[in-house]
Amino acid sequence: MKKWIFDSRLIIGFLLAHLLMFFTFENRAVFWYMFTAAMLILISYSILNEEVDDQQSVGSYLLYGLLSGFVLFAVFWAGNFLIDLLNLPFSKGVAKLYNRLAPAQLWHYIVLILVIIPGEEIFWRGFIQKRLEKYVPATASIVLAAVMYTSVHFYAGYMVLPIAALFGGLFWGFLYWWKRSIPLVIVSHLVFDLFLFVFIPLY
């Protein structure tokens, strides 16, 4: 069996994601422009190389998506509460991250919902994780894909973001493996982000 490390499409996609995310986080002034462009490129790359899975009915993926997105946010909310309660160093990181990267204009929210959230799930779960599953057991593919997803977030310069990405990547990776539906994980990610940035911001 061919090793995943020799899957050229997988490796090129991963390196492309790193290149795009490096430039995305490089300049705060163009962050939202670059993030949108990066996700459009990664969506295109994914669709050209893998089919998009959707093995759930609309009712099923909406129900599981809504519930799972809320559950993940609740976990993050509890974690942030403990960070503040214990006065851990991460509390300042959360505040700085919100100030630098949180959506601030209407078009930020529009591209977040229509491009960025779908793009992250289509690429990281629907392409990276799906291709890894061809070479390694399910658990390993979930963990590897989550670590790869986490790695591009180090360019932000705030340690709290890679940690959050790792937890999110593991959660959505398991959800994708379990239900085999990209729309489901997109809904889950969308609900999580709406709570995070609109309904109950953590800062």
N, C-alpha and C. Protein backbone atom coordinates (compact mmCIF):
# COMPACT_ATOMS: atom_id res chain seq x y z
N MET A 1 0.85 -1.20 0.00
CA MET A 1 0.00 0.00 0.00
C MET A 1 0.88 1.25 0.00
N LYS A 2 0.52 2.15 -0.87
CA LYS A 2 1.30 3.40 -0.98
C LYS A 2 1.21 4.19 0.32
N LYS A 3 2.30 4.71 0.78
CA LYS A 3 2.32 5.53 1.98
C LYS A 3 1.75 6.92 1.68
N TRP A 4 1.06 7.49 2.69
CA TRP A 4 0.43 8.78 2.47
C TRP A 4 1.43 9.88 2.19
N ILE A 5 2.64 9.71 2.71
CA ILE A 5 3.66 10.73 2.52
C ILE A 5 4.06 10.87 1.05
N PHE A 6 3.72 9.84 0.23
CA PHE A 6 4.04 9.87 -1.19
C PHE A 6 2.83 10.22 -2.06
N ASP A 7 1.73 10.60 -1.41
CA ASP A 7 0.55 11.05 -2.15
C ASP A 7 0.79 12.50 -2.56
N SER A 8 1.16 12.70 -3.81
CA SER A 8 1.57 14.04 -4.26
C SER A 8 0.44 15.06 -4.15
N ARG A 9 -0.78 14.65 -4.43
CA ARG A 9 -1.91 15.59 -4.34
C ARG A 9 -2.13 16.04 -2.90
N LEU A 10 -1.99 15.11 -1.98
CA LEU A 10 -2.13 15.43 -0.56
C LEU A 10 -1.03 16.39 -0.11
N ILE A 11 0.20 16.07 -0.45
CA ILE A 11 1.33 16.90 -0.03
C ILE A 11 1.29 18.28 -0.66
N ILE A 12 0.96 18.34 -1.95
CA ILE A 12 0.88 19.65 -2.62
C ILE A 12 -0.23 20.49 -2.00
N GLY A 13 -1.36 19.86 -1.72
CA GLY A 13 -2.47 20.57 -1.09
C GLY A 13 -2.09 21.12 0.27
N PHE A 14 -1.41 20.30 1.06
CA PHE A 14 -0.98 20.72 2.40
C PHE A 14 0.02 21.87 2.32
N LEU A 15 1.00 21.77 1.43
CA LEU A 15 1.99 22.84 1.27
C LEU A 15 1.35 24.12 0.73
N LEU A 16 0.38 23.95 -0.16
CA LEU A 16 -0.35 25.11 -0.69
C LEU A 16 -1.11 25.81 0.43
N ALA A 17 -1.73 25.03 1.32
CA ALA A 17 -2.45 25.61 2.46
C ALA A 17 -1.49 26.40 3.36
N HIS A 18 -0.30 25.85 3.60
CA HIS A 18 0.68 26.55 4.43
C HIS A 18 1.11 27.86 3.78
N LEU A 19 1.37 27.82 2.50
CA LEU A 19 1.79 29.03 1.78
C LEU A 19 0.71 30.10 1.85
N LEU A 20 -0.52 29.70 1.57
CA LEU A 20 -1.63 30.65 1.57
C LEU A 20 -1.90 31.21 2.96
N MET A 21 -1.83 30.36 3.99
CA MET A 21 -2.11 30.83 5.34
C MET A 21 -0.97 31.68 5.90
N PHE A 22 0.25 31.43 5.44
CA PHE A 22 1.37 32.28 5.84
C PHE A 22 1.10 33.72 5.39
N PHE A 23 0.71 33.89 4.12
CA PHE A 23 0.44 35.22 3.61
C PHE A 23 -0.85 35.80 4.19
N THR A 24 -1.79 34.94 4.54
CA THR A 24 -3.04 35.40 5.15
C THR A 24 -2.79 36.08 6.49
N PHE A 25 -1.95 35.47 7.32
CA PHE A 25 -1.68 36.01 8.65
C PHE A 25 -0.56 37.06 8.66
N GLU A 26 0.12 37.22 7.54
CA GLU A 26 1.28 38.10 7.49
C GLU A 26 0.92 39.57 7.69
N ASN A 27 -0.20 40.00 7.13
CA ASN A 27 -0.56 41.43 7.15
C ASN A 27 -2.01 41.57 7.61
N ARG A 28 -2.19 42.14 8.78
CA ARG A 28 -3.52 42.29 9.36
C ARG A 28 -4.45 43.10 8.46
N ALA A 29 -3.90 44.07 7.76
CA ALA A 29 -4.72 44.97 6.93
C ALA A 29 -5.43 44.23 5.80
N VAL A 30 -4.84 43.15 5.33
CA VAL A 30 -5.45 42.40 4.21
C VAL A 30 -5.88 41.01 4.64
N PHE A 31 -5.97 40.77 5.94
CA PHE A 31 -6.29 39.43 6.46
C PHE A 31 -7.56 38.84 5.83
N TRP A 32 -8.65 39.60 5.86
CA TRP A 32 -9.92 39.05 5.38
C TRP A 32 -9.93 38.86 3.86
N TYR A 33 -9.22 39.71 3.14
CA TYR A 33 -9.11 39.53 1.69
C TYR A 33 -8.32 38.25 1.38
N MET A 34 -7.19 38.10 2.07
CA MET A 34 -6.33 36.94 1.83
C MET A 34 -6.99 35.64 2.29
N PHE A 35 -7.67 35.68 3.43
CA PHE A 35 -8.33 34.48 3.95
C PHE A 35 -9.41 34.00 2.98
N THR A 36 -10.16 34.95 2.46
CA THR A 36 -11.21 34.61 1.49
C THR A 36 -10.61 34.00 0.22
N ALA A 37 -9.57 34.63 -0.30
CA ALA A 37 -8.91 34.14 -1.51
C ALA A 37 -8.30 32.76 -1.27
N ALA A 38 -7.65 32.61 -0.12
CA ALA A 38 -7.02 31.33 0.22
C ALA A 38 -8.05 30.19 0.25
N MET A 39 -9.20 30.45 0.86
CA MET A 39 -10.22 29.41 0.95
C MET A 39 -10.82 29.08 -0.41
N LEU A 40 -11.00 30.09 -1.25
CA LEU A 40 -11.51 29.82 -2.60
C LEU A 40 -10.55 28.94 -3.39
N ILE A 41 -9.26 29.19 -3.24
CA ILE A 41 -8.24 28.37 -3.91
C ILE A 41 -8.26 26.94 -3.37
N LEU A 42 -8.35 26.80 -2.04
CA LEU A 42 -8.33 25.48 -1.44
C LEU A 42 -9.62 24.70 -1.71
N ILE A 43 -10.75 25.39 -1.79
CA ILE A 43 -11.99 24.73 -2.20
C ILE A 43 -11.84 24.17 -3.61
N SER A 44 -11.32 24.99 -4.51
CA SER A 44 -11.14 24.56 -5.90
C SER A 44 -10.21 23.35 -5.99
N TYR A 45 -9.11 23.42 -5.26
CA TYR A 45 -8.14 22.32 -5.27
C TYR A 45 -8.79 21.03 -4.74
N SER A 46 -9.57 21.15 -3.69
CA SER A 46 -10.21 19.98 -3.09
C SER A 46 -11.21 19.35 -4.04
N ILE A 47 -12.06 20.16 -4.63
CA ILE A 47 -13.11 19.64 -5.52
C ILE A 47 -12.53 19.00 -6.76
N LEU A 48 -11.40 19.51 -7.22
CA LEU A 48 -10.74 18.92 -8.38
C LEU A 48 -10.13 17.55 -8.07
N ASN A 49 -9.86 17.29 -6.78
CA ASN A 49 -9.15 16.07 -6.41
C ASN A 49 -9.95 15.07 -5.59
N GLU A 50 -11.07 15.48 -5.01
CA GLU A 50 -11.91 14.57 -4.22
C GLU A 50 -13.38 14.93 -4.37
N GLU A 51 -14.24 13.91 -4.32
CA GLU A 51 -15.67 14.16 -4.31
C GLU A 51 -16.10 14.60 -2.91
N VAL A 52 -17.11 15.45 -2.85
CA VAL A 52 -17.62 15.94 -1.57
C VAL A 52 -18.63 14.94 -1.02
N ASP A 53 -18.38 14.41 0.18
CA ASP A 53 -19.27 13.44 0.79
C ASP A 53 -20.51 14.12 1.37
N ASP A 54 -21.66 13.47 1.15
CA ASP A 54 -22.91 13.93 1.77
C ASP A 54 -23.84 12.74 1.92
N GLN A 55 -23.61 11.97 2.98
CA GLN A 55 -24.36 10.74 3.19
C GLN A 55 -25.47 10.89 4.23
N GLN A 56 -25.88 12.12 4.52
CA GLN A 56 -26.96 12.36 5.48
C GLN A 56 -28.09 13.14 4.81
N SER A 57 -29.30 12.93 5.32
CA SER A 57 -30.42 13.72 4.84
C SER A 57 -30.29 15.15 5.34
N VAL A 58 -31.04 16.05 4.74
CA VAL A 58 -30.99 17.45 5.15
C VAL A 58 -31.36 17.59 6.63
N GLY A 59 -32.44 16.93 7.04
CA GLY A 59 -32.87 17.00 8.43
C GLY A 59 -31.82 16.49 9.39
N SER A 60 -31.16 15.39 9.01
CA SER A 60 -30.13 14.78 9.86
C SER A 60 -28.92 15.69 10.00
N TYR A 61 -28.41 16.23 8.88
CA TYR A 61 -27.20 17.04 9.02
C TYR A 61 -27.48 18.38 9.68
N LEU A 62 -28.71 18.89 9.53
CA LEU A 62 -29.04 20.12 10.25
C LEU A 62 -29.13 19.88 11.75
N LEU A 63 -29.79 18.77 12.14
CA LEU A 63 -29.93 18.45 13.56
C LEU A 63 -28.58 18.21 14.21
N TYR A 64 -27.78 17.30 13.63
CA TYR A 64 -26.47 17.00 14.20
C TYR A 64 -25.53 18.20 14.11
N GLY A 65 -25.65 18.95 13.04
CA GLY A 65 -24.80 20.14 12.89
C GLY A 65 -25.10 21.18 13.95
N LEU A 66 -26.38 21.46 14.18
CA LEU A 66 -26.77 22.45 15.19
C LEU A 66 -26.36 22.01 16.58
N LEU A 67 -26.65 20.76 16.92
CA LEU A 67 -26.33 20.27 18.26
C LEU A 67 -24.83 20.22 18.50
N SER A 68 -24.08 19.70 17.54
CA SER A 68 -22.63 19.56 17.72
C SER A 68 -21.95 20.91 17.78
N GLY A 69 -22.40 21.86 16.97
CA GLY A 69 -21.82 23.21 17.01
C GLY A 69 -22.03 23.86 18.36
N PHE A 70 -23.23 23.68 18.91
CA PHE A 70 -23.52 24.24 20.23
C PHE A 70 -22.69 23.56 21.32
N VAL A 71 -22.58 22.22 21.24
CA VAL A 71 -21.79 21.48 22.24
C VAL A 71 -20.33 21.92 22.21
N LEU A 72 -19.75 22.07 21.02
CA LEU A 72 -18.35 22.49 20.94
C LEU A 72 -18.18 23.89 21.50
N PHE A 73 -19.10 24.79 21.20
CA PHE A 73 -18.98 26.13 21.76
C PHE A 73 -19.07 26.09 23.29
N ALA A 74 -19.98 25.26 23.82
CA ALA A 74 -20.13 25.15 25.28
C ALA A 74 -18.83 24.70 25.92
N VAL A 75 -18.13 23.77 25.27
CA VAL A 75 -16.83 23.30 25.77
C VAL A 75 -15.83 24.45 25.76
N PHE A 76 -15.78 25.21 24.67
CA PHE A 76 -14.87 26.35 24.58
C PHE A 76 -15.22 27.41 25.61
N TRP A 77 -16.52 27.66 25.79
CA TRP A 77 -16.95 28.65 26.77
C TRP A 77 -16.49 28.25 28.17
N ALA A 78 -16.66 26.97 28.51
CA ALA A 78 -16.24 26.48 29.82
C ALA A 78 -14.72 26.59 29.98
N GLY A 79 -13.99 26.26 28.91
CA GLY A 79 -12.53 26.39 28.96
C GLY A 79 -12.09 27.82 29.15
N ASN A 80 -12.74 28.73 28.44
CA ASN A 80 -12.40 30.15 28.58
C ASN A 80 -12.74 30.66 29.98
N PHE A 81 -13.85 30.18 30.54
CA PHE A 81 -14.24 30.56 31.90
C PHE A 81 -13.18 30.13 32.91
N LEU A 82 -12.65 28.91 32.74
CA LEU A 82 -11.60 28.41 33.64
C LEU A 82 -10.31 29.20 33.46
N ILE A 83 -9.99 29.55 32.23
CA ILE A 83 -8.79 30.35 31.97
C ILE A 83 -8.87 31.69 32.70
N ASP A 84 -10.04 32.33 32.61
CA ASP A 84 -10.23 33.62 33.30
C ASP A 84 -10.22 33.43 34.81
N LEU A 85 -10.89 32.38 35.28
CA LEU A 85 -10.99 32.12 36.72
C LEU A 85 -9.63 31.89 37.35
N LEU A 86 -8.79 31.14 36.63
CA LEU A 86 -7.46 30.80 37.14
C LEU A 86 -6.41 31.83 36.74
N ASN A 87 -6.85 32.84 35.98
CA ASN A 87 -5.95 33.91 35.52
C ASN A 87 -4.74 33.36 34.77
N LEU A 88 -5.00 32.43 33.86
CA LEU A 88 -3.93 31.83 33.07
C LEU A 88 -3.49 32.79 31.97
N PRO A 89 -2.26 32.65 31.48
CA PRO A 89 -1.73 33.57 30.45
C PRO A 89 -2.57 33.62 29.18
N PHE A 90 -3.30 32.54 28.89
CA PHE A 90 -4.07 32.49 27.65
C PHE A 90 -5.18 33.54 27.60
N SER A 91 -5.59 34.07 28.76
CA SER A 91 -6.70 35.04 28.76
C SER A 91 -6.37 36.27 27.93
N LYS A 92 -5.13 36.76 28.02
CA LYS A 92 -4.71 37.91 27.22
C LYS A 92 -4.64 37.55 25.74
N GLY A 93 -4.25 36.30 25.46
CA GLY A 93 -4.17 35.85 24.08
C GLY A 93 -5.52 35.83 23.40
N VAL A 94 -6.54 35.43 24.14
CA VAL A 94 -7.90 35.41 23.59
C VAL A 94 -8.34 36.82 23.22
N ALA A 95 -8.10 37.77 24.13
CA ALA A 95 -8.47 39.16 23.88
C ALA A 95 -7.75 39.73 22.66
N LYS A 96 -6.45 39.49 22.57
CA LYS A 96 -5.66 40.00 21.44
C LYS A 96 -6.11 39.37 20.12
N LEU A 97 -6.44 38.08 20.18
CA LEU A 97 -6.88 37.37 18.99
C LEU A 97 -8.19 37.95 18.47
N TYR A 98 -9.12 38.21 19.38
CA TYR A 98 -10.39 38.84 18.99
C TYR A 98 -10.14 40.21 18.38
N ASN A 99 -9.29 40.99 19.01
CA ASN A 99 -9.02 42.35 18.52
C ASN A 99 -8.39 42.35 17.14
N ARG A 100 -7.59 41.34 16.87
CA ARG A 100 -6.88 41.33 15.59
C ARG A 100 -7.64 40.66 14.47
N LEU A 101 -8.30 39.52 14.76
CA LEU A 101 -8.83 38.71 13.68
C LEU A 101 -10.34 38.55 13.63
N ALA A 102 -11.06 38.97 14.64
CA ALA A 102 -12.51 38.79 14.64
C ALA A 102 -13.15 39.61 13.52
N PRO A 103 -14.22 39.10 12.91
CA PRO A 103 -14.92 39.88 11.87
C PRO A 103 -15.45 41.18 12.44
N ALA A 104 -15.31 42.25 11.65
CA ALA A 104 -15.71 43.57 12.14
C ALA A 104 -16.68 44.28 11.19
N GLN A 105 -16.71 43.85 9.93
CA GLN A 105 -17.59 44.47 8.95
C GLN A 105 -18.57 43.44 8.40
N LEU A 106 -19.66 43.92 7.82
CA LEU A 106 -20.69 43.02 7.32
C LEU A 106 -20.14 42.02 6.32
N TRP A 107 -19.26 42.47 5.41
CA TRP A 107 -18.75 41.56 4.40
C TRP A 107 -17.85 40.49 4.99
N HIS A 108 -17.23 40.77 6.15
CA HIS A 108 -16.45 39.74 6.85
C HIS A 108 -17.35 38.57 7.24
N TYR A 109 -18.52 38.90 7.78
CA TYR A 109 -19.46 37.85 8.19
C TYR A 109 -20.00 37.09 6.98
N ILE A 110 -20.22 37.80 5.88
CA ILE A 110 -20.74 37.15 4.68
C ILE A 110 -19.74 36.13 4.14
N VAL A 111 -18.46 36.54 4.01
CA VAL A 111 -17.47 35.59 3.47
C VAL A 111 -17.15 34.49 4.49
N LEU A 112 -17.26 34.81 5.77
CA LEU A 112 -17.06 33.78 6.80
C LEU A 112 -18.07 32.66 6.62
N ILE A 113 -19.33 33.04 6.41
CA ILE A 113 -20.41 32.05 6.29
C ILE A 113 -20.39 31.33 4.93
N LEU A 114 -20.15 32.10 3.87
CA LEU A 114 -20.29 31.54 2.52
C LEU A 114 -19.02 30.93 1.95
N VAL A 115 -17.85 31.36 2.44
CA VAL A 115 -16.59 30.91 1.83
C VAL A 115 -15.66 30.25 2.85
N ILE A 116 -15.36 30.94 3.93
CA ILE A 116 -14.30 30.49 4.84
C ILE A 116 -14.67 29.22 5.60
N ILE A 117 -15.84 29.20 6.23
CA ILE A 117 -16.25 28.01 6.97
C ILE A 117 -16.42 26.80 6.04
N PRO A 118 -17.17 26.94 4.94
CA PRO A 118 -17.24 25.79 4.01
C PRO A 118 -15.87 25.38 3.48
N GLY A 119 -15.04 26.38 3.18
CA GLY A 119 -13.71 26.08 2.64
C GLY A 119 -12.85 25.27 3.59
N GLU A 120 -12.85 25.64 4.86
CA GLU A 120 -12.04 24.91 5.84
C GLU A 120 -12.51 23.46 5.95
N GLU A 121 -13.82 23.25 5.97
CA GLU A 121 -14.32 21.88 6.10
C GLU A 121 -14.12 21.06 4.84
N ILE A 122 -14.37 21.66 3.68
CA ILE A 122 -14.16 20.94 2.42
C ILE A 122 -12.69 20.54 2.27
N PHE A 123 -11.78 21.46 2.62
CA PHE A 123 -10.36 21.15 2.44
C PHE A 123 -9.82 20.23 3.52
N TRP A 124 -9.98 20.60 4.80
CA TRP A 124 -9.32 19.86 5.87
C TRP A 124 -9.98 18.52 6.19
N ARG A 125 -11.29 18.47 6.14
CA ARG A 125 -11.97 17.20 6.38
C ARG A 125 -12.25 16.46 5.06
N GLY A 126 -12.83 17.17 4.09
CA GLY A 126 -13.25 16.52 2.86
C GLY A 126 -12.13 16.18 1.90
N PHE A 127 -10.97 16.80 2.07
CA PHE A 127 -9.82 16.47 1.22
C PHE A 127 -8.68 15.85 2.02
N ILE A 128 -8.11 16.59 2.96
CA ILE A 128 -6.95 16.10 3.71
C ILE A 128 -7.29 14.82 4.49
N GLN A 129 -8.31 14.88 5.34
CA GLN A 129 -8.64 13.71 6.14
C GLN A 129 -9.10 12.55 5.27
N LYS A 130 -9.88 12.83 4.26
CA LYS A 130 -10.38 11.76 3.39
C LYS A 130 -9.24 11.04 2.67
N ARG A 131 -8.24 11.78 2.23
CA ARG A 131 -7.11 11.14 1.56
C ARG A 131 -6.25 10.35 2.55
N LEU A 132 -6.10 10.88 3.77
CA LEU A 132 -5.34 10.16 4.79
C LEU A 132 -5.99 8.82 5.13
N GLU A 133 -7.31 8.78 5.08
CA GLU A 133 -8.03 7.55 5.41
C GLU A 133 -7.70 6.41 4.46
N LYS A 134 -7.16 6.73 3.29
CA LYS A 134 -6.78 5.68 2.33
C LYS A 134 -5.54 4.93 2.78
N TYR A 135 -4.78 5.53 3.70
CA TYR A 135 -3.48 4.97 4.07
C TYR A 135 -3.34 4.58 5.53
N VAL A 136 -4.14 5.18 6.41
CA VAL A 136 -3.99 4.92 7.84
C VAL A 136 -5.37 4.64 8.45
N PRO A 137 -5.42 4.02 9.64
CA PRO A 137 -6.71 3.77 10.31
C PRO A 137 -7.46 5.07 10.60
N ALA A 138 -8.75 4.95 10.83
CA ALA A 138 -9.62 6.12 11.03
C ALA A 138 -9.12 7.04 12.13
N THR A 139 -8.76 6.47 13.28
CA THR A 139 -8.30 7.30 14.40
C THR A 139 -7.06 8.10 14.02
N ALA A 140 -6.13 7.45 13.35
CA ALA A 140 -4.90 8.13 12.93
C ALA A 140 -5.20 9.22 11.91
N SER A 141 -6.14 8.97 11.02
CA SER A 141 -6.47 9.99 10.01
C SER A 141 -7.09 11.22 10.65
N ILE A 142 -7.93 11.01 11.67
CA ILE A 142 -8.54 12.13 12.38
C ILE A 142 -7.47 12.96 13.08
N VAL A 143 -6.56 12.27 13.78
CA VAL A 143 -5.51 12.96 14.54
C VAL A 143 -4.54 13.67 13.59
N LEU A 144 -4.09 12.98 12.55
CA LEU A 144 -3.15 13.57 11.60
C LEU A 144 -3.75 14.80 10.92
N ALA A 145 -4.99 14.68 10.47
CA ALA A 145 -5.64 15.80 9.80
C ALA A 145 -5.79 16.98 10.75
N ALA A 146 -6.12 16.71 12.02
CA ALA A 146 -6.27 17.78 13.01
C ALA A 146 -4.94 18.46 13.28
N VAL A 147 -3.85 17.69 13.34
CA VAL A 147 -2.52 18.26 13.56
C VAL A 147 -2.11 19.11 12.36
N MET A 148 -2.40 18.63 11.17
CA MET A 148 -2.08 19.39 9.96
C MET A 148 -2.89 20.70 9.91
N TYR A 149 -4.15 20.61 10.27
CA TYR A 149 -5.03 21.78 10.36
C TYR A 149 -4.48 22.78 11.38
N THR A 150 -4.04 22.26 12.51
CA THR A 150 -3.47 23.09 13.57
C THR A 150 -2.22 23.81 13.10
N SER A 151 -1.39 23.13 12.32
CA SER A 151 -0.08 23.66 11.95
C SER A 151 -0.15 24.99 11.20
N VAL A 152 -1.20 25.19 10.39
CA VAL A 152 -1.26 26.43 9.62
C VAL A 152 -1.69 27.62 10.48
N HIS A 153 -2.19 27.33 11.69
CA HIS A 153 -2.65 28.41 12.57
C HIS A 153 -1.52 29.01 13.41
N PHE A 154 -0.35 28.41 13.38
CA PHE A 154 0.79 28.97 14.12
C PHE A 154 1.22 30.32 13.53
N TYR A 155 0.92 30.55 12.25
CA TYR A 155 1.31 31.81 11.62
C TYR A 155 0.60 33.01 12.23
N ALA A 156 -0.51 32.77 12.95
CA ALA A 156 -1.24 33.88 13.56
C ALA A 156 -0.43 34.57 14.65
N GLY A 157 0.48 33.82 15.30
CA GLY A 157 1.32 34.41 16.34
C GLY A 157 0.73 34.37 17.73
N TYR A 158 -0.43 33.74 17.88
CA TYR A 158 -1.07 33.61 19.19
C TYR A 158 -1.28 32.12 19.48
N MET A 159 -0.68 31.63 20.56
CA MET A 159 -0.70 30.20 20.85
C MET A 159 -2.11 29.67 21.06
N VAL A 160 -3.00 30.54 21.49
CA VAL A 160 -4.37 30.11 21.76
C VAL A 160 -5.07 29.62 20.49
N LEU A 161 -4.72 30.17 19.32
CA LEU A 161 -5.39 29.77 18.09
C LEU A 161 -5.04 28.34 17.65
N PRO A 162 -3.76 27.94 17.63
CA PRO A 162 -3.46 26.54 17.32
C PRO A 162 -4.10 25.55 18.30
N ILE A 163 -4.15 25.92 19.57
CA ILE A 163 -4.78 25.04 20.57
C ILE A 163 -6.27 24.88 20.24
N ALA A 164 -6.92 26.00 19.95
CA ALA A 164 -8.34 25.95 19.58
C ALA A 164 -8.54 25.16 18.29
N ALA A 165 -7.64 25.35 17.32
CA ALA A 165 -7.74 24.63 16.05
C ALA A 165 -7.58 23.12 16.25
N LEU A 166 -6.70 22.72 17.16
CA LEU A 166 -6.50 21.30 17.42
C LEU A 166 -7.78 20.66 17.98
N PHE A 167 -8.37 21.31 18.98
CA PHE A 167 -9.62 20.78 19.54
C PHE A 167 -10.73 20.76 18.50
N GLY A 168 -10.86 21.86 17.76
CA GLY A 168 -11.87 21.91 16.71
C GLY A 168 -11.62 20.88 15.63
N GLY A 169 -10.37 20.72 15.22
CA GLY A 169 -10.02 19.76 14.18
C GLY A 169 -10.34 18.33 14.60
N LEU A 170 -10.03 17.99 15.84
CA LEU A 170 -10.35 16.64 16.34
C LEU A 170 -11.86 16.43 16.39
N PHE A 171 -12.57 17.43 16.87
CA PHE A 171 -14.03 17.33 17.00
C PHE A 171 -14.69 17.17 15.64
N TRP A 172 -14.39 18.08 14.71
CA TRP A 172 -15.01 18.01 13.39
C TRP A 172 -14.50 16.83 12.57
N GLY A 173 -13.26 16.43 12.83
CA GLY A 173 -12.74 15.25 12.15
C GLY A 173 -13.49 13.99 12.56
N PHE A 174 -13.76 13.85 13.86
CA PHE A 174 -14.54 12.71 14.33
C PHE A 174 -15.96 12.76 13.77
N LEU A 175 -16.55 13.95 13.78
CA LEU A 175 -17.91 14.13 13.29
C LEU A 175 -18.00 13.74 11.81
N TYR A 176 -17.01 14.15 11.03
CA TYR A 176 -16.99 13.82 9.60
C TYR A 176 -16.84 12.31 9.41
N TRP A 177 -15.93 11.70 10.15
CA TRP A 177 -15.74 10.25 10.04
C TRP A 177 -17.01 9.49 10.43
N TRP A 178 -17.69 9.97 11.47
CA TRP A 178 -18.87 9.30 12.00
C TRP A 178 -20.07 9.40 11.06
N LYS A 179 -20.33 10.62 10.56
CA LYS A 179 -21.54 10.85 9.77
C LYS A 179 -21.31 10.97 8.27
N ARG A 180 -20.09 11.10 7.87
CA ARG A 180 -19.71 11.15 6.45
C ARG A 180 -20.50 12.21 5.68
N SER A 181 -20.51 13.42 6.22
CA SER A 181 -21.27 14.49 5.58
C SER A 181 -20.55 15.82 5.75
N ILE A 182 -20.06 16.35 4.65
CA ILE A 182 -19.43 17.67 4.69
C ILE A 182 -20.44 18.77 5.04
N PRO A 183 -21.68 18.74 4.49
CA PRO A 183 -22.65 19.75 4.93
C PRO A 183 -22.88 19.75 6.43
N LEU A 184 -22.85 18.57 7.05
CA LEU A 184 -23.05 18.48 8.50
C LEU A 184 -21.95 19.22 9.25
N VAL A 185 -20.69 18.96 8.88
CA VAL A 185 -19.60 19.63 9.61
C VAL A 185 -19.55 21.12 9.28
N ILE A 186 -20.00 21.50 8.09
CA ILE A 186 -20.09 22.93 7.77
C ILE A 186 -21.11 23.61 8.68
N VAL A 187 -22.28 22.98 8.85
CA VAL A 187 -23.30 23.54 9.74
C VAL A 187 -22.78 23.62 11.17
N SER A 188 -22.09 22.56 11.62
CA SER A 188 -21.53 22.54 12.96
C SER A 188 -20.53 23.68 13.16
N HIS A 189 -19.65 23.85 12.20
CA HIS A 189 -18.64 24.91 12.24
C HIS A 189 -19.31 26.29 12.21
N LEU A 190 -20.34 26.41 11.39
CA LEU A 190 -21.07 27.68 11.28
C LEU A 190 -21.73 28.05 12.61
N VAL A 191 -22.42 27.09 13.23
CA VAL A 191 -23.08 27.34 14.51
C VAL A 191 -22.05 27.74 15.57
N PHE A 192 -20.93 27.01 15.60
CA PHE A 192 -19.85 27.32 16.54
C PHE A 192 -19.36 28.75 16.36
N ASP A 193 -19.09 29.14 15.11
CA ASP A 193 -18.56 30.48 14.85
C ASP A 193 -19.60 31.58 15.13
N LEU A 194 -20.86 31.30 14.88
CA LEU A 194 -21.89 32.29 15.18
C LEU A 194 -21.97 32.57 16.68
N PHE A 195 -21.87 31.51 17.48
CA PHE A 195 -21.83 31.71 18.93
C PHE A 195 -20.56 32.45 19.33
N LEU A 196 -19.44 32.07 18.70
CA LEU A 196 -18.14 32.62 19.06
C LEU A 196 -18.01 34.10 18.73
N PHE A 197 -18.58 34.51 17.58
CA PHE A 197 -18.39 35.88 17.12
C PHE A 197 -19.62 36.77 17.23
N VAL A 198 -20.81 36.18 17.34
CA VAL A 198 -22.03 36.99 17.30
C VAL A 198 -22.84 36.90 18.59
N PHE A 199 -23.23 35.69 18.96
CA PHE A 199 -24.18 35.52 20.07
C PHE A 199 -23.54 35.67 21.45
N ILE A 200 -22.44 34.92 21.68
CA ILE A 200 -21.79 34.97 23.00
C ILE A 200 -20.27 35.02 22.82
N PRO A 201 -19.74 36.13 22.34
CA PRO A 201 -18.27 36.23 22.19
C PRO A 201 -17.56 35.95 23.50
N LEU A 202 -16.41 35.30 23.39
CA LEU A 202 -15.66 34.93 24.61
C LEU A 202 -14.90 36.11 25.20
N TYR A 203 -14.89 37.24 24.48
CA TYR A 203 -14.23 38.43 25.04
C TYR A 203 -14.97 39.69 24.62
